[in-house]
């Protein structure tokens, strides 16, 4: 196993992590922006106001994208397990 293989696997893992985190992060970003916009328009500066909508939005995004996320993770893991013999030099 050489350093190029390790770097390739690490890059693929980081890309997979970003893909899997994107639905929840983008949902929280959009909801946070909307709540912030509403707070600035109405001049209500309550910090805890944005927590519940973000939590609900992230939970909904997880329910919608959860099966896709698990399928991607299983596919990536199977790909890594299939690479083990070639990485060990066999």
PDB file of N, CA and C in Angstrom:
ATOM      1  N   UNK A   1       0.860  -1.173   0.000  1.00  0.00           N
ATOM      2  CA  UNK A   1       0.000   0.000   0.000  1.00  0.00           C
ATOM      3  C   UNK A   1       0.904   1.232   0.000  1.00  0.00           C
ATOM      4  N   UNK A   2       0.791   2.021  -1.033  1.00  0.00           N
ATOM      5  CA  UNK A   2       1.631   3.202  -1.136  1.00  0.00           C
ATOM      6  C   UNK A   2       0.863   4.459  -0.738  1.00  0.00           C
ATOM      7  N   UNK A   3       1.573   5.560  -0.709  1.00  0.00           N
ATOM      8  CA  UNK A   3       0.960   6.809  -0.257  1.00  0.00           C
ATOM      9  C   UNK A   3      -0.080   7.325  -1.247  1.00  0.00           C
ATOM     10  N   UNK A   4       0.072   7.022  -2.521  1.00  0.00           N
ATOM     11  CA  UNK A   4      -0.911   7.464  -3.515  1.00  0.00           C
ATOM     12  C   UNK A   4      -2.263   6.800  -3.267  1.00  0.00           C
ATOM     13  N   UNK A   5      -2.236   5.514  -2.909  1.00  0.00           N
ATOM     14  CA  UNK A   5      -3.490   4.804  -2.623  1.00  0.00           C
ATOM     15  C   UNK A   5      -4.163   5.363  -1.370  1.00  0.00           C
ATOM     16  N   UNK A   6      -3.351   5.671  -0.371  1.00  0.00           N
ATOM     17  CA  UNK A   6      -3.903   6.242   0.868  1.00  0.00           C
ATOM     18  C   UNK A   6      -4.526   7.602   0.590  1.00  0.00           C
ATOM     19  N   UNK A   7      -3.851   8.432  -0.188  1.00  0.00           N
ATOM     20  CA  UNK A   7      -4.386   9.753  -0.522  1.00  0.00           C
ATOM     21  C   UNK A   7      -5.659   9.646  -1.355  1.00  0.00           C
ATOM     22  N   UNK A   8      -5.706   8.676  -2.255  1.00  0.00           N
ATOM     23  CA  UNK A   8      -6.904   8.480  -3.082  1.00  0.00           C
ATOM     24  C   UNK A   8      -8.087   8.076  -2.214  1.00  0.00           C
ATOM     25  N   UNK A   9      -7.872   7.145  -1.300  1.00  0.00           N
ATOM     26  CA  UNK A   9      -8.941   6.698  -0.408  1.00  0.00           C
ATOM     27  C   UNK A   9      -9.378   7.835   0.510  1.00  0.00           C
ATOM     28  N   UNK A  10      -8.427   8.613   1.007  1.00  0.00           N
ATOM     29  CA  UNK A  10      -8.771   9.744   1.878  1.00  0.00           C
ATOM     30  C   UNK A  10      -9.572  10.798   1.121  1.00  0.00           C
ATOM     31  N   UNK A  11      -9.199  11.076  -0.114  1.00  0.00           N
ATOM     32  CA  UNK A  11      -9.937  12.055  -0.920  1.00  0.00           C
ATOM     33  C   UNK A  11     -11.354  11.565  -1.207  1.00  0.00           C
ATOM     34  N   UNK A  12     -11.487  10.273  -1.518  1.00  0.00           N
ATOM     35  CA  UNK A  12     -12.816   9.711  -1.758  1.00  0.00           C
ATOM     36  C   UNK A  12     -13.669   9.759  -0.489  1.00  0.00           C
ATOM     37  N   UNK A  13     -13.046   9.495   0.661  1.00  0.00           N
ATOM     38  CA  UNK A  13     -13.779   9.531   1.927  1.00  0.00           C
ATOM     39  C   UNK A  13     -14.236  10.947   2.260  1.00  0.00           C
ATOM     40  N   UNK A  14     -13.390  11.928   2.024  1.00  0.00           N
ATOM     41  CA  UNK A  14     -13.775  13.322   2.277  1.00  0.00           C
ATOM     42  C   UNK A  14     -14.886  13.777   1.334  1.00  0.00           C
ATOM     43  N   UNK A  15     -14.802  13.354   0.077  1.00  0.00           N
ATOM     44  CA  UNK A  15     -15.859  13.683  -0.871  1.00  0.00           C
ATOM     45  C   UNK A  15     -17.174  13.040  -0.461  1.00  0.00           C
ATOM     46  N   UNK A  16     -17.119  11.795  -0.031  1.00  0.00           N
ATOM     47  CA  UNK A  16     -18.321  11.092   0.423  1.00  0.00           C
ATOM     48  C   UNK A  16     -18.903  11.783   1.650  1.00  0.00           C
ATOM     49  N   UNK A  17     -18.056  12.197   2.564  1.00  0.00           N
ATOM     50  CA  UNK A  17     -18.530  12.885   3.764  1.00  0.00           C
ATOM     51  C   UNK A  17     -19.234  14.186   3.402  1.00  0.00           C
ATOM     52  N   UNK A  18     -18.678  14.930   2.465  1.00  0.00           N
ATOM     53  CA  UNK A  18     -19.306  16.187   2.041  1.00  0.00           C
ATOM     54  C   UNK A  18     -20.640  15.932   1.363  1.00  0.00           C
ATOM     55  N   UNK A  19     -20.720  14.892   0.536  1.00  0.00           N
ATOM     56  CA  UNK A  19     -21.977  14.553  -0.129  1.00  0.00           C
ATOM     57  C   UNK A  19     -23.041  14.136   0.878  1.00  0.00           C
ATOM     58  N   UNK A  20     -22.645  13.379   1.885  1.00  0.00           N
ATOM     59  CA  UNK A  20     -23.618  12.900   2.863  1.00  0.00           C
ATOM     60  C   UNK A  20     -24.071  13.999   3.817  1.00  0.00           C
ATOM     61  N   UNK A  21     -23.215  14.968   4.081  1.00  0.00           N
ATOM     62  CA  UNK A  21     -23.574  16.045   4.995  1.00  0.00           C
ATOM     63  C   UNK A  21     -24.334  17.171   4.304  1.00  0.00           C
ATOM     64  N   UNK A  22     -24.243  17.254   2.989  1.00  0.00           N
ATOM     65  CA  UNK A  22     -24.827  18.373   2.254  1.00  0.00           C
ATOM     66  C   UNK A  22     -26.323  18.570   2.473  1.00  0.00           C
ATOM     67  N   UNK A  23     -27.160  17.531   2.447  1.00  0.00           N
ATOM     68  CA  UNK A  23     -28.598  17.792   2.626  1.00  0.00           C
ATOM     69  C   UNK A  23     -28.936  18.440   3.972  1.00  0.00           C
ATOM     70  N   UNK A  24     -28.317  17.973   5.042  1.00  0.00           N
ATOM     71  CA  UNK A  24     -28.612  18.542   6.354  1.00  0.00           C
ATOM     72  C   UNK A  24     -28.025  19.949   6.502  1.00  0.00           C
ATOM     73  N   UNK A  25     -26.813  20.140   6.015  1.00  0.00           N
ATOM     74  CA  UNK A  25     -26.168  21.443   6.151  1.00  0.00           C
ATOM     75  C   UNK A  25     -26.900  22.499   5.319  1.00  0.00           C
ATOM     76  N   UNK A  26     -27.262  22.152   4.095  1.00  0.00           N
ATOM     77  CA  UNK A  26     -27.975  23.104   3.259  1.00  0.00           C
ATOM     78  C   UNK A  26     -29.365  23.419   3.811  1.00  0.00           C
ATOM     79  N   UNK A  27     -30.036  22.408   4.363  1.00  0.00           N
ATOM     80  CA  UNK A  27     -31.338  22.645   4.978  1.00  0.00           C
ATOM     81  C   UNK A  27     -31.211  23.598   6.154  1.00  0.00           C
ATOM     82  N   UNK A  28     -30.246  23.357   7.027  1.00  0.00           N
ATOM     83  CA  UNK A  28     -30.039  24.244   8.176  1.00  0.00           C
ATOM     84  C   UNK A  28     -29.645  25.643   7.723  1.00  0.00           C
ATOM     85  N   UNK A  29     -28.862  25.739   6.653  1.00  0.00           N
ATOM     86  CA  UNK A  29     -28.453  27.041   6.134  1.00  0.00           C
ATOM     87  C   UNK A  29     -29.646  27.830   5.607  1.00  0.00           C
ATOM     88  N   UNK A  30     -30.489  27.186   4.820  1.00  0.00           N
ATOM     89  CA  UNK A  30     -31.636  27.872   4.245  1.00  0.00           C
ATOM     90  C   UNK A  30     -32.623  28.281   5.329  1.00  0.00           C
ATOM     91  N   UNK A  31     -32.910  27.381   6.267  1.00  0.00           N
ATOM     92  CA  UNK A  31     -33.841  27.711   7.346  1.00  0.00           C
ATOM     93  C   UNK A  31     -33.261  28.804   8.234  1.00  0.00           C
ATOM     94  N   UNK A  32     -31.985  28.731   8.538  1.00  0.00           N
ATOM     95  CA  UNK A  32     -31.353  29.766   9.346  1.00  0.00           C
ATOM     96  C   UNK A  32     -31.392  31.117   8.673  1.00  0.00           C
ATOM     97  N   UNK A  33     -31.161  31.136   7.361  1.00  0.00           N
ATOM     98  CA  UNK A  33     -31.222  32.398   6.626  1.00  0.00           C
ATOM     99  C   UNK A  33     -32.635  32.965   6.632  1.00  0.00           C
ATOM    100  N   UNK A  34     -33.627  32.094   6.428  1.00  0.00           N
ATOM    101  CA  UNK A  34     -35.019  32.556   6.418  1.00  0.00           C
ATOM    102  C   UNK A  34     -35.426  33.106   7.787  1.00  0.00           C
ATOM    103  N   UNK A  35     -35.065  32.404   8.846  1.00  0.00           N
ATOM    104  CA  UNK A  35     -35.397  32.873  10.200  1.00  0.00           C
ATOM    105  C   UNK A  35     -34.666  34.184  10.491  1.00  0.00           C
ATOM    106  N   UNK A  36     -33.422  34.286  10.074  1.00  0.00           N
ATOM    107  CA  UNK A  36     -32.660  35.514  10.281  1.00  0.00           C
ATOM    108  C   UNK A  36     -33.290  36.682   9.537  1.00  0.00           C
ATOM    109  N   UNK A  37     -33.742  36.421   8.322  1.00  0.00           N
ATOM    110  CA  UNK A  37     -34.408  37.464   7.547  1.00  0.00           C
ATOM    111  C   UNK A  37     -35.701  37.911   8.233  1.00  0.00           C
ATOM    112  N   UNK A  38     -36.480  36.961   8.712  1.00  0.00           N
ATOM    113  CA  UNK A  38     -37.718  37.285   9.427  1.00  0.00           C
ATOM    114  C   UNK A  38     -37.409  38.061  10.700  1.00  0.00           C
ATOM    115  N   UNK A  39     -36.368  37.655  11.419  1.00  0.00           N
ATOM    116  CA  UNK A  39     -35.997  38.362  12.648  1.00  0.00           C
ATOM    117  C   UNK A  39     -35.547  39.788  12.350  1.00  0.00           C
ATOM    118  N   UNK A  40     -34.839  39.980  11.267  1.00  0.00           N
ATOM    119  CA  UNK A  40     -34.385  41.332  10.957  1.00  0.00           C
ATOM    120  C   UNK A  40     -35.544  42.214  10.490  1.00  0.00           C
ATOM    121  N   UNK A  41     -36.522  41.623   9.822  1.00  0.00           N
ATOM    122  CA  UNK A  41     -37.680  42.402   9.370  1.00  0.00           C
ATOM    123  C   UNK A  41     -38.560  42.789  10.557  1.00  0.00           C
ATOM    124  N   UNK A  42     -38.798  41.815  11.450  1.00  0.00           N
ATOM    125  CA  UNK A  42     -39.700  42.079  12.581  1.00  0.00           C
ATOM    126  C   UNK A  42     -38.986  42.644  13.796  1.00  0.00           C
ATOM    127  N   UNK A  43     -37.672  42.708  13.761  1.00  0.00           N
ATOM    128  CA  UNK A  43     -36.850  43.225  14.861  1.00  0.00           C
ATOM    129  C   UNK A  43     -36.992  42.396  16.143  1.00  0.00           C
ATOM    130  N   UNK A  44     -37.310  41.119  15.992  1.00  0.00           N
ATOM    131  CA  UNK A  44     -37.336  40.198  17.131  1.00  0.00           C
ATOM    132  C   UNK A  44     -35.964  39.530  17.169  1.00  0.00           C
ATOM    133  N   UNK A  45     -35.193  39.801  18.208  1.00  0.00           N
ATOM    134  CA  UNK A  45     -33.835  39.281  18.297  1.00  0.00           C
ATOM    135  C   UNK A  45     -33.748  38.191  19.361  1.00  0.00           C
ATOM    136  N   UNK A  46     -34.466  37.115  19.156  1.00  0.00           N
ATOM    137  CA  UNK A  46     -34.447  35.983  20.081  1.00  0.00           C
ATOM    138  C   UNK A  46     -33.534  34.901  19.497  1.00  0.00           C
ATOM    139  N   UNK A  47     -32.515  34.517  20.243  1.00  0.00           N
ATOM    140  CA  UNK A  47     -31.520  33.564  19.746  1.00  0.00           C
ATOM    141  C   UNK A  47     -32.113  32.171  19.603  1.00  0.00           C
ATOM    142  N   UNK A  48     -32.980  31.789  20.529  1.00  0.00           N
ATOM    143  CA  UNK A  48     -33.506  30.426  20.527  1.00  0.00           C
ATOM    144  C   UNK A  48     -34.612  30.222  19.501  1.00  0.00           C
ATOM    145  N   UNK A  49     -35.055  31.269  18.833  1.00  0.00           N
ATOM    146  CA  UNK A  49     -36.152  31.160  17.876  1.00  0.00           C
ATOM    147  C   UNK A  49     -35.783  30.290  16.676  1.00  0.00           C
ATOM    148  N   UNK A  50     -34.541  30.277  16.270  1.00  0.00           N
ATOM    149  CA  UNK A  50     -34.155  29.533  15.070  1.00  0.00           C
ATOM    150  C   UNK A  50     -33.802  28.074  15.344  1.00  0.00           C
ATOM    151  N   UNK A  51     -33.686  27.678  16.607  1.00  0.00           N
ATOM    152  CA  UNK A  51     -33.239  26.312  16.893  1.00  0.00           C
ATOM    153  C   UNK A  51     -34.286  25.268  16.507  1.00  0.00           C
ATOM    154  N   UNK A  52     -35.520  25.455  16.916  1.00  0.00           N
ATOM    155  CA  UNK A  52     -36.559  24.448  16.666  1.00  0.00           C
ATOM    156  C   UNK A  52     -36.833  24.275  15.171  1.00  0.00           C
ATOM    157  N   UNK A  53     -37.005  25.345  14.390  1.00  0.00           N
ATOM    158  CA  UNK A  53     -37.207  25.121  12.947  1.00  0.00           C
ATOM    159  C   UNK A  53     -36.020  24.425  12.272  1.00  0.00           C
ATOM    160  N   UNK A  54     -34.804  24.765  12.698  1.00  0.00           N
ATOM    161  CA  UNK A  54     -33.633  24.092  12.123  1.00  0.00           C
ATOM    162  C   UNK A  54     -33.635  22.610  12.475  1.00  0.00           C
ATOM    163  N   UNK A  55     -33.927  22.287  13.733  1.00  0.00           N
ATOM    164  CA  UNK A  55     -33.946  20.888  14.157  1.00  0.00           C
ATOM    165  C   UNK A  55     -35.008  20.101  13.400  1.00  0.00           C
ATOM    166  N   UNK A  56     -36.176  20.689  13.238  1.00  0.00           N
ATOM    167  CA  UNK A  56     -37.251  20.014  12.499  1.00  0.00           C
ATOM    168  C   UNK A  56     -36.869  19.864  11.028  1.00  0.00           C
ATOM    169  N   UNK A  57     -36.308  20.904  10.442  1.00  0.00           N
ATOM    170  CA  UNK A  57     -35.897  20.843   9.041  1.00  0.00           C
ATOM    171  C   UNK A  57     -34.816  19.809   8.789  1.00  0.00           C
ATOM    172  N   UNK A  58     -33.846  19.741   9.681  1.00  0.00           N
ATOM    173  CA  UNK A  58     -32.783  18.747   9.532  1.00  0.00           C
ATOM    174  C   UNK A  58     -33.343  17.328   9.714  1.00  0.00           C
ATOM    175  N   UNK A  59     -34.271  17.154  10.632  1.00  0.00           N
ATOM    176  CA  UNK A  59     -34.890  15.837  10.824  1.00  0.00           C
ATOM    177  C   UNK A  59     -35.676  15.423   9.580  1.00  0.00           C
ATOM    178  N   UNK A  60     -36.384  16.355   8.977  1.00  0.00           N
ATOM    179  CA  UNK A  60     -37.122  16.044   7.749  1.00  0.00           C
ATOM    180  C   UNK A  60     -36.158  15.726   6.610  1.00  0.00           C
ATOM    181  N   UNK A  61     -35.086  16.491   6.495  1.00  0.00           N
ATOM    182  CA  UNK A  61     -34.081  16.222   5.451  1.00  0.00           C
ATOM    183  C   UNK A  61     -33.443  14.854   5.659  1.00  0.00           C
ATOM    184  N   UNK A  62     -33.230  14.490   6.904  1.00  0.00           N
ATOM    185  CA  UNK A  62     -32.654  13.174   7.200  1.00  0.00           C
ATOM    186  C   UNK A  62     -33.622  12.058   6.843  1.00  0.00           C
ATOM    187  N   UNK A  63     -34.913  12.263   7.112  1.00  0.00           N
ATOM    188  CA  UNK A  63     -35.906  11.240   6.753  1.00  0.00           C
ATOM    189  C   UNK A  63     -36.024  11.103   5.238  1.00  0.00           C
ATOM    190  N   UNK A  64     -35.950  12.222   4.520  1.00  0.00           N
ATOM    191  CA  UNK A  64     -36.089  12.172   3.060  1.00  0.00           C
ATOM    192  C   UNK A  64     -34.838  11.568   2.418  1.00  0.00           C
ATOM    193  N   UNK A  65     -33.661  11.988   2.864  1.00  0.00           N
ATOM    194  CA  UNK A  65     -32.404  11.575   2.222  1.00  0.00           C
ATOM    195  C   UNK A  65     -31.721  10.407   2.919  1.00  0.00           C
ATOM    196  N   UNK A  66     -32.296   9.892   3.990  1.00  0.00           N
ATOM    197  CA  UNK A  66     -31.631   8.853   4.773  1.00  0.00           C
ATOM    198  C   UNK A  66     -31.332   7.584   4.000  1.00  0.00           C
ATOM    199  N   UNK A  67     -32.291   7.105   3.215  1.00  0.00           N
ATOM    200  CA  UNK A  67     -32.061   5.861   2.478  1.00  0.00           C
ATOM    201  C   UNK A  67     -30.989   6.050   1.408  1.00  0.00           C
ATOM    202  N   UNK A  68     -30.987   7.221   0.756  1.00  0.00           N
ATOM    203  CA  UNK A  68     -29.942   7.504  -0.231  1.00  0.00           C
ATOM    204  C   UNK A  68     -28.574   7.560   0.443  1.00  0.00           C
ATOM    205  N   UNK A  69     -28.521   8.171   1.623  1.00  0.00           N
ATOM    206  CA  UNK A  69     -27.255   8.298   2.336  1.00  0.00           C
ATOM    207  C   UNK A  69     -26.710   6.926   2.727  1.00  0.00           C
ATOM    208  N   UNK A  70     -27.578   6.071   3.228  1.00  0.00           N
ATOM    209  CA  UNK A  70     -27.138   4.723   3.616  1.00  0.00           C
ATOM    210  C   UNK A  70     -26.686   3.935   2.398  1.00  0.00           C
ATOM    211  N   UNK A  71     -27.409   4.070   1.287  1.00  0.00           N
ATOM    212  CA  UNK A  71     -27.013   3.359   0.065  1.00  0.00           C
ATOM    213  C   UNK A  71     -25.638   3.823  -0.420  1.00  0.00           C
ATOM    214  N   UNK A  72     -25.386   5.126  -0.373  1.00  0.00           N
ATOM    215  CA  UNK A  72     -24.081   5.646  -0.772  1.00  0.00           C
ATOM    216  C   UNK A  72     -22.968   5.128   0.134  1.00  0.00           C
ATOM    217  N   UNK A  73     -23.241   5.114   1.436  1.00  0.00           N
ATOM    218  CA  UNK A  73     -22.237   4.663   2.393  1.00  0.00           C
ATOM    219  C   UNK A  73     -21.949   3.170   2.240  1.00  0.00           C
ATOM    220  N   UNK A  74     -22.987   2.374   2.015  1.00  0.00           N
ATOM    221  CA  UNK A  74     -22.799   0.935   1.804  1.00  0.00           C
ATOM    222  C   UNK A  74     -22.020   0.682   0.523  1.00  0.00           C
ATOM    223  N   UNK A  75     -22.335   1.420  -0.534  1.00  0.00           N
ATOM    224  CA  UNK A  75     -21.613   1.268  -1.795  1.00  0.00           C
ATOM    225  C   UNK A  75     -20.134   1.625  -1.635  1.00  0.00           C
ATOM    226  N   UNK A  76     -19.864   2.704  -0.923  1.00  0.00           N
ATOM    227  CA  UNK A  76     -18.473   3.113  -0.694  1.00  0.00           C
ATOM    228  C   UNK A  76     -17.725   2.069   0.126  1.00  0.00           C
ATOM    229  N   UNK A  77     -18.373   1.533   1.148  1.00  0.00           N
ATOM    230  CA  UNK A  77     -17.741   0.517   1.987  1.00  0.00           C
ATOM    231  C   UNK A  77     -17.476  -0.758   1.200  1.00  0.00           C
ATOM    232  N   UNK A  78     -18.421  -1.172   0.372  1.00  0.00           N
ATOM    233  CA  UNK A  78     -18.205  -2.362  -0.459  1.00  0.00           C
ATOM    234  C   UNK A  78     -17.061  -2.145  -1.439  1.00  0.00           C
ATOM    235  N   UNK A  79     -16.967  -0.949  -1.974  1.00  0.00           N
ATOM    236  CA  UNK A  79     -15.865  -0.621  -2.874  1.00  0.00           C
ATOM    237  C   UNK A  79     -14.521  -0.705  -2.144  1.00  0.00           C
ATOM    238  N   UNK A  80     -14.480  -0.211  -0.912  1.00  0.00           N
ATOM    239  CA  UNK A  80     -13.232  -0.285  -0.142  1.00  0.00           C
ATOM    240  C   UNK A  80     -12.863  -1.732   0.174  1.00  0.00           C
ATOM    241  N   UNK A  81     -13.863  -2.534   0.560  1.00  0.00           N
ATOM    242  CA  UNK A  81     -13.581  -3.941   0.839  1.00  0.00           C
ATOM    243  C   UNK A  81     -13.117  -4.688  -0.404  1.00  0.00           C
ATOM    244  N   UNK A  82     -13.649  -4.316  -1.559  1.00  0.00           N
ATOM    245  CA  UNK A  82     -13.220  -4.958  -2.818  1.00  0.00           C
ATOM    246  C   UNK A  82     -11.789  -4.565  -3.175  1.00  0.00           C
ATOM    247  N   UNK A  83     -11.320  -3.412  -2.708  1.00  0.00           N
ATOM    248  CA  UNK A  83      -9.964  -2.956  -3.011  1.00  0.00           C
ATOM    249  C   UNK A  83      -8.908  -3.554  -2.092  1.00  0.00           C
ATOM    250  N   UNK A  84      -9.303  -4.199  -1.017  1.00  0.00           N
ATOM    251  CA  UNK A  84      -8.325  -4.694  -0.028  1.00  0.00           C
ATOM    252  C   UNK A  84      -7.283  -5.616  -0.653  1.00  0.00           C
ATOM    253  N   UNK A  85      -7.655  -6.620  -1.458  1.00  0.00           N
ATOM    254  CA  UNK A  85      -6.601  -7.479  -2.020  1.00  0.00           C
ATOM    255  C   UNK A  85      -5.595  -6.732  -2.886  1.00  0.00           C
ATOM    256  N   UNK A  86      -6.077  -5.790  -3.695  1.00  0.00           N
ATOM    257  CA  UNK A  86      -5.134  -5.063  -4.547  1.00  0.00           C
ATOM    258  C   UNK A  86      -4.269  -4.099  -3.731  1.00  0.00           C
ATOM    259  N   UNK A  87      -4.794  -3.598  -2.629  1.00  0.00           N
ATOM    260  CA  UNK A  87      -4.005  -2.696  -1.795  1.00  0.00           C
ATOM    261  C   UNK A  87      -2.917  -3.435  -1.025  1.00  0.00           C
ATOM    262  N   UNK A  88      -3.198  -4.685  -0.706  1.00  0.00           N
ATOM    263  CA  UNK A  88      -2.206  -5.485   0.030  1.00  0.00           C
ATOM    264  C   UNK A  88      -1.169  -6.104  -0.888  1.00  0.00           C
ATOM    265  N   UNK A  89      -1.359  -5.928  -2.179  1.00  0.00           N
ATOM    266  CA  UNK A  89      -0.367  -6.425  -3.143  1.00  0.00           C
ATOM    267  C   UNK A  89      -0.625  -7.831  -3.605  1.00  0.00           C
ATOM    268  N   UNK A  90      -1.817  -8.348  -3.357  1.00  0.00           N
ATOM    269  CA  UNK A  90      -2.123  -9.730  -3.758  1.00  0.00           C
ATOM    270  C   UNK A  90      -2.866  -9.866  -5.025  1.00  0.00           C
TER     271      UNK A  90
END
